[in-house]
Every structure is written in structure tokens, then in C-alpha cells.
Amino acid sequence: MDAKELSTKTPDQLKDQLIALKKEAFNLRFQQATGQLENTARMRAVRRDVARVKTILNQKAAEAAASN
């Protein structure tokens, strides 16, 4: 997932995406704690995707505030 793809989405879609990513991050942490995690790089990717979504949400909120 890249920032260009995220910037075309609406804030509601981004919030749904954020919720899904946080659930995935939780599940990955749980798998790691129980020793079942096979792809440890996925944790890093999910964390970065969460940061990307939050960044785009903040940019959209700033644009909305500036336009008012």
C-alpha cells in the first residue's frame, strides 16, 4: 500500500482501513507471543501501514480545517 493509493480514499474508508490494520497488528503480536508467527517482517509492514494511514488522515483533517 502506498500513500498515493491512500490519498484517494475518503476519511471513512481510511478509518476502516486503520481499524483493520490495528486488528491485524494485534493478531500478529498474539501469534508472536505464542510462537506461531512465521513472517516477522509482516509486523513491521503493518506498523508502517498504520503510520501511513494516520498521516493521510491528519493531512486531510488539516486541509479541511484550512478550507473553513
PDB file of N, CA and C in Angstrom:
ATOM      1  N   MET A   1       0.856  -1.170   0.000  1.00  0.00           N
ATOM      2  CA  MET A   1       0.000   0.000   0.000  1.00  0.00           C
ATOM      3  C   MET A   1       0.903   1.234   0.000  1.00  0.00           C
ATOM      4  N   ASP A   2       0.603   2.186  -0.874  1.00  0.00           N
ATOM      5  CA  ASP A   2       1.408   3.401  -0.910  1.00  0.00           C
ATOM      6  C   ASP A   2       0.537   4.621  -0.605  1.00  0.00           C
ATOM      7  N   ALA A   3       1.188   5.745  -0.361  1.00  0.00           N
ATOM      8  CA  ALA A   3       0.492   6.952   0.058  1.00  0.00           C
ATOM      9  C   ALA A   3      -0.429   7.486  -1.040  1.00  0.00           C
ATOM     10  N   LYS A   4      -0.056   7.316  -2.289  1.00  0.00           N
ATOM     11  CA  LYS A   4      -0.894   7.793  -3.392  1.00  0.00           C
ATOM     12  C   LYS A   4      -2.236   7.062  -3.396  1.00  0.00           C
ATOM     13  N   GLU A   5      -2.166   5.761  -3.159  1.00  0.00           N
ATOM     14  CA  GLU A   5      -3.379   4.954  -3.113  1.00  0.00           C
ATOM     15  C   GLU A   5      -4.271   5.386  -1.947  1.00  0.00           C
ATOM     16  N   LEU A   6      -3.660   5.697  -0.826  1.00  0.00           N
ATOM     17  CA  LEU A   6      -4.425   6.089   0.359  1.00  0.00           C
ATOM     18  C   LEU A   6      -5.028   7.482   0.212  1.00  0.00           C
ATOM     19  N   SER A   7      -4.343   8.373  -0.478  1.00  0.00           N
ATOM     20  CA  SER A   7      -4.824   9.752  -0.580  1.00  0.00           C
ATOM     21  C   SER A   7      -6.101   9.866  -1.405  1.00  0.00           C
ATOM     22  N   THR A   8      -6.407   8.841  -2.194  1.00  0.00           N
ATOM     23  CA  THR A   8      -7.636   8.874  -2.994  1.00  0.00           C
ATOM     24  C   THR A   8      -8.855   8.404  -2.206  1.00  0.00           C
ATOM     25  N   LYS A   9      -8.620   7.820  -1.036  1.00  0.00           N
ATOM     26  CA  LYS A   9      -9.723   7.292  -0.237  1.00  0.00           C
ATOM     27  C   LYS A   9     -10.348   8.385   0.625  1.00  0.00           C
ATOM     28  N   THR A  10     -11.600   8.152   1.014  1.00  0.00           N
ATOM     29  CA  THR A  10     -12.289   9.092   1.893  1.00  0.00           C
ATOM     30  C   THR A  10     -11.842   8.852   3.329  1.00  0.00           C
ATOM     31  N   PRO A  11     -12.041   9.832   4.208  1.00  0.00           N
ATOM     32  CA  PRO A  11     -11.677   9.637   5.624  1.00  0.00           C
ATOM     33  C   PRO A  11     -12.362   8.429   6.265  1.00  0.00           C
ATOM     34  N   ASP A  12     -13.606   8.160   5.891  1.00  0.00           N
ATOM     35  CA  ASP A  12     -14.289   6.992   6.456  1.00  0.00           C
ATOM     36  C   ASP A  12     -13.615   5.692   6.015  1.00  0.00           C
ATOM     37  N   GLN A  13     -13.224   5.627   4.757  1.00  0.00           N
ATOM     38  CA  GLN A  13     -12.528   4.438   4.264  1.00  0.00           C
ATOM     39  C   GLN A  13     -11.187   4.279   4.967  1.00  0.00           C
ATOM     40  N   LEU A  14     -10.512   5.405   5.192  1.00  0.00           N
ATOM     41  CA  LEU A  14      -9.221   5.359   5.874  1.00  0.00           C
ATOM     42  C   LEU A  14      -9.376   4.885   7.316  1.00  0.00           C
ATOM     43  N   LYS A  15     -10.440   5.325   7.980  1.00  0.00           N
ATOM     44  CA  LYS A  15     -10.670   4.886   9.360  1.00  0.00           C
ATOM     45  C   LYS A  15     -10.955   3.393   9.413  1.00  0.00           C
ATOM     46  N   ASP A  16     -11.718   2.886   8.441  1.00  0.00           N
ATOM     47  CA  ASP A  16     -11.978   1.451   8.371  1.00  0.00           C
ATOM     48  C   ASP A  16     -10.681   0.682   8.136  1.00  0.00           C
ATOM     49  N   GLN A  17      -9.838   1.221   7.261  1.00  0.00           N
ATOM     50  CA  GLN A  17      -8.544   0.600   6.971  1.00  0.00           C
ATOM     51  C   GLN A  17      -7.675   0.573   8.225  1.00  0.00           C
ATOM     52  N   LEU A  18      -7.709   1.668   8.981  1.00  0.00           N
ATOM     53  CA  LEU A  18      -6.917   1.769  10.207  1.00  0.00           C
ATOM     54  C   LEU A  18      -7.369   0.724  11.227  1.00  0.00           C
ATOM     55  N   ILE A  19      -8.659   0.556  11.368  1.00  0.00           N
ATOM     56  CA  ILE A  19      -9.191  -0.441  12.297  1.00  0.00           C
ATOM     57  C   ILE A  19      -8.739  -1.840  11.886  1.00  0.00           C
ATOM     58  N   ALA A  20      -8.820  -2.129  10.593  1.00  0.00           N
ATOM     59  CA  ALA A  20      -8.409  -3.448  10.102  1.00  0.00           C
ATOM     60  C   ALA A  20      -6.920  -3.685  10.340  1.00  0.00           C
ATOM     61  N   LEU A  21      -6.103  -2.658  10.120  1.00  0.00           N
ATOM     62  CA  LEU A  21      -4.660  -2.808  10.333  1.00  0.00           C
ATOM     63  C   LEU A  21      -4.332  -3.006  11.803  1.00  0.00           C
ATOM     64  N   LYS A  22      -5.039  -2.295  12.677  1.00  0.00           N
ATOM     65  CA  LYS A  22      -4.788  -2.456  14.109  1.00  0.00           C
ATOM     66  C   LYS A  22      -5.187  -3.851  14.583  1.00  0.00           C
ATOM     67  N   LYS A  23      -6.267  -4.391  14.023  1.00  0.00           N
ATOM     68  CA  LYS A  23      -6.661  -5.761  14.367  1.00  0.00           C
ATOM     69  C   LYS A  23      -5.593  -6.745  13.903  1.00  0.00           C
ATOM     70  N   GLU A  24      -5.077  -6.519  12.698  1.00  0.00           N
ATOM     71  CA  GLU A  24      -4.037  -7.397  12.188  1.00  0.00           C
ATOM     72  C   GLU A  24      -2.784  -7.315  13.047  1.00  0.00           C
ATOM     73  N   ALA A  25      -2.419  -6.101  13.463  1.00  0.00           N
ATOM     74  CA  ALA A  25      -1.244  -5.930  14.318  1.00  0.00           C
ATOM     75  C   ALA A  25      -1.431  -6.667  15.643  1.00  0.00           C
ATOM     76  N   PHE A  26      -2.628  -6.597  16.201  1.00  0.00           N
ATOM     77  CA  PHE A  26      -2.914  -7.310  17.439  1.00  0.00           C
ATOM     78  C   PHE A  26      -2.749  -8.809  17.244  1.00  0.00           C
ATOM     79  N   ASN A  27      -3.314  -9.330  16.158  1.00  0.00           N
ATOM     80  CA  ASN A  27      -3.218 -10.759  15.882  1.00  0.00           C
ATOM     81  C   ASN A  27      -1.767 -11.196  15.671  1.00  0.00           C
ATOM     82  N   LEU A  28      -0.987 -10.354  15.012  1.00  0.00           N
ATOM     83  CA  LEU A  28       0.421 -10.682  14.796  1.00  0.00           C
ATOM     84  C   LEU A  28       1.186 -10.693  16.118  1.00  0.00           C
ATOM     85  N   ARG A  29       0.904  -9.738  16.991  1.00  0.00           N
ATOM     86  CA  ARG A  29       1.551  -9.725  18.309  1.00  0.00           C
ATOM     87  C   ARG A  29       1.182 -10.977  19.098  1.00  0.00           C
ATOM     88  N   PHE A  30      -0.074 -11.377  19.005  1.00  0.00           N
ATOM     89  CA  PHE A  30      -0.536 -12.574  19.709  1.00  0.00           C
ATOM     90  C   PHE A  30       0.172 -13.814  19.165  1.00  0.00           C
ATOM     91  N   GLN A  31       0.304 -13.899  17.843  1.00  0.00           N
ATOM     92  CA  GLN A  31       0.997 -15.032  17.231  1.00  0.00           C
ATOM     93  C   GLN A  31       2.460 -15.070  17.657  1.00  0.00           C
ATOM     94  N   GLN A  32       3.084 -13.888  17.752  1.00  0.00           N
ATOM     95  CA  GLN A  32       4.478 -13.842  18.156  1.00  0.00           C
ATOM     96  C   GLN A  32       4.642 -14.312  19.599  1.00  0.00           C
ATOM     97  N   ALA A  33       3.717 -13.919  20.456  1.00  0.00           N
ATOM     98  CA  ALA A  33       3.794 -14.300  21.859  1.00  0.00           C
ATOM     99  C   ALA A  33       3.626 -15.802  22.041  1.00  0.00           C
ATOM    100  N   THR A  34       2.842 -16.419  21.181  1.00  0.00           N
ATOM    101  CA  THR A  34       2.612 -17.856  21.300  1.00  0.00           C
ATOM    102  C   THR A  34       3.573 -18.672  20.446  1.00  0.00           C
ATOM    103  N   GLY A  35       4.477 -17.999  19.745  1.00  0.00           N
ATOM    104  CA  GLY A  35       5.477 -18.700  18.939  1.00  0.00           C
ATOM    105  C   GLY A  35       4.965 -19.208  17.613  1.00  0.00           C
ATOM    106  N   GLN A  36       3.851 -18.710  17.139  1.00  0.00           N
ATOM    107  CA  GLN A  36       3.275 -19.191  15.887  1.00  0.00           C
ATOM    108  C   GLN A  36       3.567 -18.273  14.704  1.00  0.00           C
ATOM    109  N   LEU A  37       4.209 -17.145  14.945  1.00  0.00           N
ATOM    110  CA  LEU A  37       4.449 -16.174  13.877  1.00  0.00           C
ATOM    111  C   LEU A  37       5.565 -16.655  12.965  1.00  0.00           C
ATOM    112  N   GLU A  38       5.264 -16.751  11.666  1.00  0.00           N
ATOM    113  CA  GLU A  38       6.252 -17.213  10.704  1.00  0.00           C
ATOM    114  C   GLU A  38       6.912 -16.053   9.966  1.00  0.00           C
ATOM    115  N   ASN A  39       6.133 -15.055   9.585  1.00  0.00           N
ATOM    116  CA  ASN A  39       6.658 -13.930   8.812  1.00  0.00           C
ATOM    117  C   ASN A  39       6.785 -12.713   9.731  1.00  0.00           C
ATOM    118  N   THR A  40       7.944 -12.559  10.340  1.00  0.00           N
ATOM    119  CA  THR A  40       8.127 -11.462  11.289  1.00  0.00           C
ATOM    120  C   THR A  40       8.185 -10.106  10.594  1.00  0.00           C
ATOM    121  N   ALA A  41       8.516 -10.076   9.326  1.00  0.00           N
ATOM    122  CA  ALA A  41       8.587  -8.812   8.590  1.00  0.00           C
ATOM    123  C   ALA A  41       7.202  -8.192   8.423  1.00  0.00           C
ATOM    124  N   ARG A  42       6.164  -9.015   8.515  1.00  0.00           N
ATOM    125  CA  ARG A  42       4.793  -8.506   8.358  1.00  0.00           C
ATOM    126  C   ARG A  42       4.444  -7.532   9.474  1.00  0.00           C
ATOM    127  N   MET A  43       4.995  -7.738  10.666  1.00  0.00           N
ATOM    128  CA  MET A  43       4.726  -6.824  11.787  1.00  0.00           C
ATOM    129  C   MET A  43       5.206  -5.415  11.447  1.00  0.00           C
ATOM    130  N   ARG A  44       6.402  -5.334  10.903  1.00  0.00           N
ATOM    131  CA  ARG A  44       6.961  -4.035  10.531  1.00  0.00           C
ATOM    132  C   ARG A  44       6.131  -3.368   9.441  1.00  0.00           C
ATOM    133  N   ALA A  45       5.731  -4.164   8.453  1.00  0.00           N
ATOM    134  CA  ALA A  45       4.936  -3.628   7.345  1.00  0.00           C
ATOM    135  C   ALA A  45       3.594  -3.092   7.838  1.00  0.00           C
ATOM    136  N   VAL A  46       2.956  -3.819   8.746  1.00  0.00           N
ATOM    137  CA  VAL A  46       1.657  -3.379   9.274  1.00  0.00           C
ATOM    138  C   VAL A  46       1.827  -2.100  10.086  1.00  0.00           C
ATOM    139  N   ARG A  47       2.883  -2.050  10.888  1.00  0.00           N
ATOM    140  CA  ARG A  47       3.134  -0.839  11.686  1.00  0.00           C
ATOM    141  C   ARG A  47       3.320   0.385  10.790  1.00  0.00           C
ATOM    142  N   ARG A  48       4.040   0.198   9.714  1.00  0.00           N
ATOM    143  CA  ARG A  48       4.274   1.310   8.789  1.00  0.00           C
ATOM    144  C   ARG A  48       3.009   1.694   8.027  1.00  0.00           C
ATOM    145  N   ASP A  49       2.186   0.709   7.700  1.00  0.00           N
ATOM    146  CA  ASP A  49       0.918   0.996   7.040  1.00  0.00           C
ATOM    147  C   ASP A  49       0.004   1.796   7.965  1.00  0.00           C
ATOM    148  N   VAL A  50       0.005   1.455   9.251  1.00  0.00           N
ATOM    149  CA  VAL A  50      -0.783   2.213  10.230  1.00  0.00           C
ATOM    150  C   VAL A  50      -0.304   3.666  10.250  1.00  0.00           C
ATOM    151  N   ALA A  51       0.996   3.865  10.252  1.00  0.00           N
ATOM    152  CA  ALA A  51       1.547   5.220  10.260  1.00  0.00           C
ATOM    153  C   ALA A  51       1.160   5.976   8.996  1.00  0.00           C
ATOM    154  N   ARG A  52       1.177   5.300   7.853  1.00  0.00           N
ATOM    155  CA  ARG A  52       0.785   5.956   6.599  1.00  0.00           C
ATOM    156  C   ARG A  52      -0.674   6.404   6.640  1.00  0.00           C
ATOM    157  N   VAL A  53      -1.540   5.524   7.120  1.00  0.00           N
ATOM    158  CA  VAL A  53      -2.966   5.848   7.176  1.00  0.00           C
ATOM    159  C   VAL A  53      -3.191   7.027   8.119  1.00  0.00           C
ATOM    160  N   LYS A  54      -2.534   7.016   9.272  1.00  0.00           N
ATOM    161  CA  LYS A  54      -2.688   8.116  10.229  1.00  0.00           C
ATOM    162  C   LYS A  54      -2.182   9.432   9.643  1.00  0.00           C
ATOM    163  N   THR A  55      -1.088   9.368   8.897  1.00  0.00           N
ATOM    164  CA  THR A  55      -0.537  10.574   8.279  1.00  0.00           C
ATOM    165  C   THR A  55      -1.513  11.166   7.266  1.00  0.00           C
ATOM    166  N   ILE A  56      -2.074  10.326   6.417  1.00  0.00           N
ATOM    167  CA  ILE A  56      -3.023  10.802   5.407  1.00  0.00           C
ATOM    168  C   ILE A  56      -4.271  11.364   6.079  1.00  0.00           C
ATOM    169  N   LEU A  57      -4.749  10.701   7.144  1.00  0.00           N
ATOM    170  CA  LEU A  57      -5.922  11.209   7.873  1.00  0.00           C
ATOM    171  C   LEU A  57      -5.645  12.596   8.452  1.00  0.00           C
ATOM    172  N   ASN A  58      -4.449  12.768   9.022  1.00  0.00           N
ATOM    173  CA  ASN A  58      -4.097  14.068   9.586  1.00  0.00           C
ATOM    174  C   ASN A  58      -3.972  15.137   8.501  1.00  0.00           C
ATOM    175  N   GLN A  59      -3.440  14.764   7.344  1.00  0.00           N
ATOM    176  CA  GLN A  59      -3.333  15.717   6.243  1.00  0.00           C
ATOM    177  C   GLN A  59      -4.710  16.144   5.759  1.00  0.00           C
ATOM    178  N   LYS A  60      -5.619  15.181   5.646  1.00  0.00           N
ATOM    179  CA  LYS A  60      -6.980  15.509   5.203  1.00  0.00           C
ATOM    180  C   LYS A  60      -7.689  16.389   6.230  1.00  0.00           C
ATOM    181  N   ALA A  61      -7.453  16.144   7.512  1.00  0.00           N
ATOM    182  CA  ALA A  61      -8.070  16.960   8.557  1.00  0.00           C
ATOM    183  C   ALA A  61      -7.497  18.382   8.512  1.00  0.00           C
ATOM    184  N   ALA A  62      -6.220  18.510   8.259  1.00  0.00           N
ATOM    185  CA  ALA A  62      -5.601  19.827   8.178  1.00  0.00           C
ATOM    186  C   ALA A  62      -6.128  20.599   6.963  1.00  0.00           C
ATOM    187  N   GLU A  63      -6.307  19.896   5.844  1.00  0.00           N
ATOM    188  CA  GLU A  63      -6.854  20.536   4.642  1.00  0.00           C
ATOM    189  C   GLU A  63      -8.273  21.017   4.892  1.00  0.00           C
ATOM    190  N   ALA A  64      -9.063  20.196   5.580  1.00  0.00           N
ATOM    191  CA  ALA A  64     -10.447  20.565   5.877  1.00  0.00           C
ATOM    192  C   ALA A  64     -10.495  21.768   6.809  1.00  0.00           C
ATOM    193  N   ALA A  65      -9.598  21.812   7.781  1.00  0.00           N
ATOM    194  CA  ALA A  65      -9.568  22.933   8.717  1.00  0.00           C
ATOM    195  C   ALA A  65      -9.093  24.206   8.018  1.00  0.00           C
ATOM    196  N   ALA A  66      -8.162  24.078   7.091  1.00  0.00           N
ATOM    197  CA  ALA A  66      -7.649  25.246   6.387  1.00  0.00           C
ATOM    198  C   ALA A  66      -8.672  25.824   5.408  1.00  0.00           C
ATOM    199  N   SER A  67      -9.530  24.971   4.869  1.00  0.00           N
ATOM    200  CA  SER A  67     -10.518  25.442   3.908  1.00  0.00           C
ATOM    201  C   SER A  67     -11.703  26.124   4.569  1.00  0.00           C
ATOM    202  N   ASN A  68     -11.878  25.929   5.866  1.00  0.00           N
ATOM    203  CA  ASN A  68     -13.009  26.569   6.574  1.00  0.00           C
ATOM    204  C   ASN A  68     -12.671  27.909   7.060  1.00  0.00           C
TER     205      ASN A  68
END
